[in-house]
Amino acid sequence: MAVIELRQVHRDFQVGDQTVHALDDVNLHIEAGEYVSIMGPSGSGKSTLLNLIGLLDRATRGQYLLNGEDVTTLSDVAQAEVRNRQIGFVFQAFHLVPRLTAAQNIELPLMLAGIDKAIRDARVSEALKALNLDTRAHHKPDQLSGGQRQRVAIARATIMQPKVLLADEPTGNLDRKSGQDVIDIIESLNARGITLLVVTHDAEIGSRARRQVHMLDGRIETDRTRGA
């Protein structure tokens, strides 16, 4: 069974008196554990597609199944609950809460899920150590480097042990070495079984994925798997 299945998905936006087809009849089938890069020029629909898969946006029409469940018509509250438990999201701009420490940012999804404090503390401590952030636990985002902030964001995205990790230009705000470290981290998560989708403009990063989806004008132009 597919982890992610999109069936004839459209996403339209109204701009003045014009309708923009950000996603135009997209069909996509992703199995558990796949590593997929999504590439294409600016405005091709890459981020719109990722936001829709991440339940941050809704299709204008079409169907989206996540782990076999039709999430298309769920309420906003129900979608938020599914997202918190099943999907991790890493953004180019980190989106950390400025007033919270690294540890508190990582803990946030656990708090929203109502998980017991003792379990929260243990999971956060483990995540900080795994990503070499234990000495930065009490630092706020403005006291961290870009690479450290993205590692905090990855820890926060995966603290609920989701089945799917979505990364939107995860190295876009980082220098080359920090970017390489981030890619190594998310690829190691994929190696442990998490389904990984990465939106990128960087052809070198995109080529690392076994499956590469290229988008153009809201449509999937090509969908290739290495060795297939």
C-alpha atoms as a PDB file:
ATOM      1  CA  MET A   1       0.000   0.000   0.000  1.00  0.00           C
ATOM      2  CA  ALA A   2       1.238   3.493  -0.838  1.00  0.00           C
ATOM      3  CA  VAL A   3       2.102   5.866   1.989  1.00  0.00           C
ATOM      4  CA  ILE A   4       1.135   8.816  -0.244  1.00  0.00           C
ATOM      5  CA  GLU A   5      -1.305   8.657  -3.130  1.00  0.00           C
ATOM      6  CA  LEU A   6      -2.591  11.657  -5.061  1.00  0.00           C
ATOM      7  CA  ARG A   7      -5.362  11.095  -7.572  1.00  0.00           C
ATOM      8  CA  GLN A   8      -6.099  13.756 -10.186  1.00  0.00           C
ATOM      9  CA  VAL A   9      -5.209  16.554  -7.779  1.00  0.00           C
ATOM     10  CA  HIS A  10      -5.690  20.180  -8.773  1.00  0.00           C
ATOM     11  CA  ARG A  11      -4.811  23.312  -6.793  1.00  0.00           C
ATOM     12  CA  ASP A  12      -6.122  26.566  -8.233  1.00  0.00           C
ATOM     13  CA  PHE A  13      -5.496  30.107  -7.009  1.00  0.00           C
ATOM     14  CA  GLN A  14      -7.423  33.172  -8.018  1.00  0.00           C
ATOM     15  CA  VAL A  15      -5.171  36.103  -8.922  1.00  0.00           C
ATOM     16  CA  GLY A  16      -7.343  39.065  -9.871  1.00  0.00           C
ATOM     17  CA  ASP A  17      -9.654  37.823 -12.609  1.00  0.00           C
ATOM     18  CA  GLN A  18      -7.296  34.966 -13.586  1.00  0.00           C
ATOM     19  CA  THR A  19      -7.179  31.388 -12.301  1.00  0.00           C
ATOM     20  CA  VAL A  20      -3.669  30.047 -11.755  1.00  0.00           C
ATOM     21  CA  HIS A  21      -3.361  26.253 -11.928  1.00  0.00           C
ATOM     22  CA  ALA A  22      -0.592  25.671  -9.390  1.00  0.00           C
ATOM     23  CA  LEU A  23      -1.224  21.913  -9.577  1.00  0.00           C
ATOM     24  CA  ASP A  24      -2.869  20.549 -12.706  1.00  0.00           C
ATOM     25  CA  ASP A  25      -4.104  16.935 -12.646  1.00  0.00           C
ATOM     26  CA  VAL A  26      -1.282  15.528 -10.516  1.00  0.00           C
ATOM     27  CA  ASN A  27      -1.155  11.779  -9.899  1.00  0.00           C
ATOM     28  CA  LEU A  28       1.545  10.519  -7.541  1.00  0.00           C
ATOM     29  CA  HIS A  29       2.116   7.188  -5.790  1.00  0.00           C
ATOM     30  CA  ILE A  30       4.883   6.919  -3.153  1.00  0.00           C
ATOM     31  CA  GLU A  31       5.704   3.720  -1.292  1.00  0.00           C
ATOM     32  CA  ALA A  32       6.964   3.440   2.280  1.00  0.00           C
ATOM     33  CA  GLY A  33      10.677   4.152   2.647  1.00  0.00           C
ATOM     34  CA  GLU A  34      11.162   5.847  -0.721  1.00  0.00           C
ATOM     35  CA  TYR A  35      13.561   8.773  -1.171  1.00  0.00           C
ATOM     36  CA  VAL A  36      12.088  11.192  -3.700  1.00  0.00           C
ATOM     37  CA  SER A  37      13.398  14.551  -4.893  1.00  0.00           C
ATOM     38  CA  ILE A  38      10.967  17.051  -6.416  1.00  0.00           C
ATOM     39  CA  MET A  39      12.592  19.485  -8.822  1.00  0.00           C
ATOM     40  CA  GLY A  40      11.613  22.063 -11.398  1.00  0.00           C
ATOM     41  CA  PRO A  41      11.844  25.814 -12.092  1.00  0.00           C
ATOM     42  CA  SER A  42      10.354  28.456  -9.809  1.00  0.00           C
ATOM     43  CA  GLY A  43       6.585  28.477 -10.097  1.00  0.00           C
ATOM     44  CA  SER A  44       6.396  24.870 -11.299  1.00  0.00           C
ATOM     45  CA  GLY A  45       4.324  23.762  -8.292  1.00  0.00           C
ATOM     46  CA  LYS A  46       6.987  22.026  -6.185  1.00  0.00           C
ATOM     47  CA  SER A  47       6.278  23.752  -2.884  1.00  0.00           C
ATOM     48  CA  THR A  48       2.522  23.742  -3.507  1.00  0.00           C
ATOM     49  CA  LEU A  49       2.719  19.975  -3.941  1.00  0.00           C
ATOM     50  CA  LEU A  50       4.754  19.544  -0.753  1.00  0.00           C
ATOM     51  CA  ASN A  51       2.406  21.792   1.244  1.00  0.00           C
ATOM     52  CA  LEU A  52      -0.559  19.772   0.055  1.00  0.00           C
ATOM     53  CA  ILE A  53       1.122  16.464   0.948  1.00  0.00           C
ATOM     54  CA  GLY A  54       2.031  17.971   4.334  1.00  0.00           C
ATOM     55  CA  LEU A  55      -1.613  18.975   4.968  1.00  0.00           C
ATOM     56  CA  LEU A  56      -0.664  22.643   5.088  1.00  0.00           C
ATOM     57  CA  ASP A  57      -2.912  23.263   2.073  1.00  0.00           C
ATOM     58  CA  ARG A  58      -5.951  21.632   0.465  1.00  0.00           C
ATOM     59  CA  ALA A  59      -6.607  20.463  -3.067  1.00  0.00           C
ATOM     60  CA  THR A  60      -9.190  22.381  -5.082  1.00  0.00           C
ATOM     61  CA  ARG A  61     -10.296  18.995  -6.354  1.00  0.00           C
ATOM     62  CA  GLY A  62      -8.982  15.451  -6.481  1.00  0.00           C
ATOM     63  CA  GLN A  63      -8.181  12.933  -3.766  1.00  0.00           C
ATOM     64  CA  TYR A  64      -5.281  12.516  -1.334  1.00  0.00           C
ATOM     65  CA  LEU A  65      -4.758   9.256   0.559  1.00  0.00           C
ATOM     66  CA  LEU A  66      -2.226   9.114   3.392  1.00  0.00           C
ATOM     67  CA  ASN A  67      -1.452   5.598   4.610  1.00  0.00           C
ATOM     68  CA  GLY A  68      -4.649   4.479   2.921  1.00  0.00           C
ATOM     69  CA  GLU A  69      -6.845   7.089   4.629  1.00  0.00           C
ATOM     70  CA  ASP A  70      -8.631   9.701   2.530  1.00  0.00           C
ATOM     71  CA  VAL A  71      -7.571  12.949   4.224  1.00  0.00           C
ATOM     72  CA  THR A  72      -9.078  15.193   1.540  1.00  0.00           C
ATOM     73  CA  THR A  73     -12.268  16.017   3.384  1.00  0.00           C
ATOM     74  CA  LEU A  74     -11.029  15.957   6.987  1.00  0.00           C
ATOM     75  CA  SER A  75     -11.680  19.075   9.062  1.00  0.00           C
ATOM     76  CA  ASP A  76      -8.803  21.480   9.716  1.00  0.00           C
ATOM     77  CA  VAL A  77      -8.542  20.158  13.289  1.00  0.00           C
ATOM     78  CA  ALA A  78      -8.464  16.538  12.142  1.00  0.00           C
ATOM     79  CA  GLN A  79      -5.874  17.331   9.465  1.00  0.00           C
ATOM     80  CA  ALA A  80      -3.691  19.086  12.063  1.00  0.00           C
ATOM     81  CA  GLU A  81      -3.833  16.002  14.293  1.00  0.00           C
ATOM     82  CA  VAL A  82      -2.874  13.700  11.408  1.00  0.00           C
ATOM     83  CA  ARG A  83      -0.051  16.061  10.424  1.00  0.00           C
ATOM     84  CA  ASN A  84       1.324  16.237  13.968  1.00  0.00           C
ATOM     85  CA  ARG A  85       1.425  12.462  14.341  1.00  0.00           C
ATOM     86  CA  GLN A  86       2.364  11.255  10.868  1.00  0.00           C
ATOM     87  CA  ILE A  87       4.283  13.987   8.990  1.00  0.00           C
ATOM     88  CA  GLY A  88       7.468  15.888   9.759  1.00  0.00           C
ATOM     89  CA  PHE A  89       8.194  19.118   7.873  1.00  0.00           C
ATOM     90  CA  VAL A  90      11.561  20.878   7.488  1.00  0.00           C
ATOM     91  CA  PHE A  91      11.528  24.359   5.945  1.00  0.00           C
ATOM     92  CA  GLN A  92      14.211  26.474   4.303  1.00  0.00           C
ATOM     93  CA  ALA A  93      13.593  29.273   6.816  1.00  0.00           C
ATOM     94  CA  PHE A  94      13.624  26.900   9.853  1.00  0.00           C
ATOM     95  CA  HIS A  95      10.390  28.361  11.355  1.00  0.00           C
ATOM     96  CA  LEU A  96      11.589  27.957  14.935  1.00  0.00           C
ATOM     97  CA  VAL A  97       9.773  29.829  17.714  1.00  0.00           C
ATOM     98  CA  PRO A  98      12.180  32.696  18.603  1.00  0.00           C
ATOM     99  CA  ARG A  99      11.303  32.903  22.306  1.00  0.00           C
ATOM    100  CA  LEU A 100      11.780  29.168  22.898  1.00  0.00           C
ATOM    101  CA  THR A 101      15.079  27.364  23.467  1.00  0.00           C
ATOM    102  CA  ALA A 102      16.286  24.590  21.180  1.00  0.00           C
ATOM    103  CA  ALA A 103      14.958  21.971  23.616  1.00  0.00           C
ATOM    104  CA  GLN A 104      11.585  23.725  23.919  1.00  0.00           C
ATOM    105  CA  ASN A 105      11.234  24.000  20.137  1.00  0.00           C
ATOM    106  CA  ILE A 106      11.902  20.262  19.785  1.00  0.00           C
ATOM    107  CA  GLU A 107       9.447  19.487  22.601  1.00  0.00           C
ATOM    108  CA  LEU A 108       6.582  21.496  21.101  1.00  0.00           C
ATOM    109  CA  PRO A 109       4.946  18.731  18.987  1.00  0.00           C
ATOM    110  CA  LEU A 110       5.033  16.388  21.998  1.00  0.00           C
ATOM    111  CA  MET A 111       3.275  18.997  24.133  1.00  0.00           C
ATOM    112  CA  LEU A 112       0.626  19.557  21.458  1.00  0.00           C
ATOM    113  CA  ALA A 113       0.024  15.801  21.392  1.00  0.00           C
ATOM    114  CA  GLY A 114      -0.470  15.708  25.166  1.00  0.00           C
ATOM    115  CA  ILE A 115       2.441  13.355  25.809  1.00  0.00           C
ATOM    116  CA  ASP A 116       3.565  12.895  29.419  1.00  0.00           C
ATOM    117  CA  LYS A 117       6.404  15.158  30.584  1.00  0.00           C
ATOM    118  CA  ALA A 118       8.743  12.325  31.554  1.00  0.00           C
ATOM    119  CA  ILE A 119       8.450  10.846  28.067  1.00  0.00           C
ATOM    120  CA  ARG A 120       8.860  14.309  26.511  1.00  0.00           C
ATOM    121  CA  ASP A 121      12.050  14.965  28.481  1.00  0.00           C
ATOM    122  CA  ALA A 122      13.544  11.583  27.533  1.00  0.00           C
ATOM    123  CA  ARG A 123      12.746  11.970  23.819  1.00  0.00           C
ATOM    124  CA  VAL A 124      14.064  15.542  23.657  1.00  0.00           C
ATOM    125  CA  SER A 125      17.276  14.583  25.448  1.00  0.00           C
ATOM    126  CA  GLU A 126      17.797  11.679  23.035  1.00  0.00           C
ATOM    127  CA  ALA A 127      17.139  13.918  20.002  1.00  0.00           C
ATOM    128  CA  LEU A 128      19.560  16.594  21.206  1.00  0.00           C
ATOM    129  CA  LYS A 129      22.329  14.022  21.667  1.00  0.00           C
ATOM    130  CA  ALA A 130      21.642  12.324  18.329  1.00  0.00           C
ATOM    131  CA  LEU A 131      22.065  15.629  16.477  1.00  0.00           C
ATOM    132  CA  ASN A 132      25.012  16.908  18.562  1.00  0.00           C
ATOM    133  CA  LEU A 133      22.910  19.680  20.041  1.00  0.00           C
ATOM    134  CA  ASP A 134      23.096  18.765  23.737  1.00  0.00           C
ATOM    135  CA  THR A 135      25.408  21.709  24.475  1.00  0.00           C
ATOM    136  CA  ARG A 136      22.935  24.041  22.738  1.00  0.00           C
ATOM    137  CA  ALA A 137      19.754  22.804  24.468  1.00  0.00           C
ATOM    138  CA  HIS A 138      19.137  26.068  26.315  1.00  0.00           C
ATOM    139  CA  HIS A 139      20.096  28.409  23.479  1.00  0.00           C
ATOM    140  CA  LYS A 140      17.425  30.337  21.587  1.00  0.00           C
ATOM    141  CA  PRO A 141      17.401  30.340  17.765  1.00  0.00           C
ATOM    142  CA  ASP A 142      19.218  33.686  17.470  1.00  0.00           C
ATOM    143  CA  GLN A 143      22.086  32.161  19.473  1.00  0.00           C
ATOM    144  CA  LEU A 144      22.503  29.269  17.026  1.00  0.00           C
ATOM    145  CA  SER A 145      24.212  28.990  13.657  1.00  0.00           C
ATOM    146  CA  GLY A 146      22.153  28.252  10.548  1.00  0.00           C
ATOM    147  CA  GLY A 147      23.229  24.617  10.568  1.00  0.00           C
ATOM    148  CA  GLN A 148      22.340  24.252  14.239  1.00  0.00           C
ATOM    149  CA  ARG A 149      18.929  25.839  13.664  1.00  0.00           C
ATOM    150  CA  GLN A 150      18.191  23.404  10.851  1.00  0.00           C
ATOM    151  CA  ARG A 151      19.254  20.480  13.045  1.00  0.00           C
ATOM    152  CA  VAL A 152      16.830  21.727  15.717  1.00  0.00           C
ATOM    153  CA  ALA A 153      14.156  21.929  13.018  1.00  0.00           C
ATOM    154  CA  ILE A 154      14.895  18.332  11.943  1.00  0.00           C
ATOM    155  CA  ALA A 155      14.720  17.144  15.549  1.00  0.00           C
ATOM    156  CA  ARG A 156      11.378  18.919  15.978  1.00  0.00           C
ATOM    157  CA  ALA A 157      10.083  17.450  12.689  1.00  0.00           C
ATOM    158  CA  THR A 158      10.974  13.892  13.712  1.00  0.00           C
ATOM    159  CA  ILE A 159      10.320  13.930  17.477  1.00  0.00           C
ATOM    160  CA  MET A 160       6.857  12.389  16.947  1.00  0.00           C
ATOM    161  CA  GLN A 161       8.492   9.559  14.964  1.00  0.00           C
ATOM    162  CA  PRO A 162       6.536  10.296  11.758  1.00  0.00           C
ATOM    163  CA  LYS A 163       6.423   7.926   8.807  1.00  0.00           C
ATOM    164  CA  VAL A 164       6.973  10.762   6.318  1.00  0.00           C
ATOM    165  CA  LEU A 165       9.527  13.600   6.325  1.00  0.00           C
ATOM    166  CA  LEU A 166       9.041  16.513   3.921  1.00  0.00           C
ATOM    167  CA  ALA A 167      11.920  18.928   3.340  1.00  0.00           C
ATOM    168  CA  ASP A 168      11.383  22.154   1.387  1.00  0.00           C
ATOM    169  CA  GLU A 169      14.769  23.515   0.205  1.00  0.00           C
ATOM    170  CA  PRO A 170      16.357  22.340   3.506  1.00  0.00           C
ATOM    171  CA  THR A 171      19.830  23.625   2.537  1.00  0.00           C
ATOM    172  CA  GLY A 172      18.681  26.898   0.952  1.00  0.00           C
ATOM    173  CA  ASN A 173      19.855  29.142   3.802  1.00  0.00           C
ATOM    174  CA  LEU A 174      23.016  27.218   4.648  1.00  0.00           C
ATOM    175  CA  ASP A 175      26.661  27.255   3.600  1.00  0.00           C
ATOM    176  CA  ARG A 176      27.906  24.215   1.691  1.00  0.00           C
ATOM    177  CA  LYS A 177      29.306  22.301   4.686  1.00  0.00           C
ATOM    178  CA  SER A 178      26.239  22.886   6.879  1.00  0.00           C
ATOM    179  CA  GLY A 179      24.026  21.957   3.938  1.00  0.00           C
ATOM    180  CA  GLN A 180      25.941  18.714   3.439  1.00  0.00           C
ATOM    181  CA  ASP A 181      25.560  17.896   7.146  1.00  0.00           C
ATOM    182  CA  VAL A 182      21.788  18.452   6.924  1.00  0.00           C
ATOM    183  CA  ILE A 183      21.452  16.246   3.828  1.00  0.00           C
ATOM    184  CA  ASP A 184      23.482  13.510   5.541  1.00  0.00           C
ATOM    185  CA  ILE A 185      21.147  13.667   8.554  1.00  0.00           C
ATOM    186  CA  ILE A 186      17.909  13.438   6.596  1.00  0.00           C
ATOM    187  CA  GLU A 187      19.330  10.683   4.371  1.00  0.00           C
ATOM    188  CA  SER A 188      20.264   8.710   7.486  1.00  0.00           C
ATOM    189  CA  LEU A 189      16.633   9.003   8.607  1.00  0.00           C
ATOM    190  CA  ASN A 190      15.543   7.612   5.238  1.00  0.00           C
ATOM    191  CA  ALA A 191      18.013   4.747   5.659  1.00  0.00           C
ATOM    192  CA  ARG A 192      16.197   3.881   8.903  1.00  0.00           C
ATOM    193  CA  GLY A 193      12.893   3.597   7.033  1.00  0.00           C
ATOM    194  CA  ILE A 194      11.302   7.061   7.009  1.00  0.00           C
ATOM    195  CA  THR A 195       9.777   8.099   3.667  1.00  0.00           C
ATOM    196  CA  LEU A 196      11.659  11.198   2.478  1.00  0.00           C
ATOM    197  CA  LEU A 197      10.536  13.865  -0.013  1.00  0.00           C
ATOM    198  CA  VAL A 198      12.911  16.743  -0.735  1.00  0.00           C
ATOM    199  CA  VAL A 199      12.037  19.816  -2.795  1.00  0.00           C
ATOM    200  CA  THR A 200      15.206  21.406  -4.155  1.00  0.00           C
ATOM    201  CA  HIS A 201      16.534  23.729  -6.852  1.00  0.00           C
ATOM    202  CA  ASP A 202      19.949  22.113  -6.436  1.00  0.00           C
ATOM    203  CA  ALA A 203      20.434  19.468  -9.135  1.00  0.00           C
ATOM    204  CA  GLU A 204      23.316  17.906  -7.192  1.00  0.00           C
ATOM    205  CA  ILE A 205      21.101  17.372  -4.132  1.00  0.00           C
ATOM    206  CA  GLY A 206      18.173  16.245  -6.267  1.00  0.00           C
ATOM    207  CA  SER A 207      20.301  13.642  -8.029  1.00  0.00           C
ATOM    208  CA  ARG A 208      21.064  11.917  -4.710  1.00  0.00           C
ATOM    209  CA  ALA A 209      17.474  10.653  -4.467  1.00  0.00           C
ATOM    210  CA  ARG A 210      16.776   7.267  -6.043  1.00  0.00           C
ATOM    211  CA  ARG A 211      13.540   8.653  -7.521  1.00  0.00           C
ATOM    212  CA  GLN A 212      13.407  12.084  -9.147  1.00  0.00           C
ATOM    213  CA  VAL A 213      10.185  13.901  -9.985  1.00  0.00           C
ATOM    214  CA  HIS A 214      10.453  16.939 -12.271  1.00  0.00           C
ATOM    215  CA  MET A 215       7.582  19.426 -12.371  1.00  0.00           C
ATOM    216  CA  LEU A 216       6.668  22.042 -14.965  1.00  0.00           C
ATOM    217  CA  ASP A 217       3.640  24.356 -15.011  1.00  0.00           C
ATOM    218  CA  GLY A 218       1.863  22.487 -12.222  1.00  0.00           C
ATOM    219  CA  ARG A 219       2.246  19.068 -13.814  1.00  0.00           C
ATOM    220  CA  ILE A 220       4.625  16.167 -13.297  1.00  0.00           C
ATOM    221  CA  GLU A 221       6.792  16.316 -16.409  1.00  0.00           C
ATOM    222  CA  THR A 222       8.965  13.277 -15.641  1.00  0.00           C
ATOM    223  CA  ASP A 223       9.110  10.688 -12.859  1.00  0.00           C
ATOM    224  CA  ARG A 224      12.221   8.524 -12.978  1.00  0.00           C
ATOM    225  CA  THR A 225      13.687   5.911 -10.656  1.00  0.00           C
ATOM    226  CA  ARG A 226      17.379   5.063 -10.918  1.00  0.00           C
ATOM    227  CA  GLY A 227      17.957   1.459 -11.897  1.00  0.00           C
ATOM    228  CA  ALA A 228      14.302   0.905 -12.767  1.00  0.00           C
END
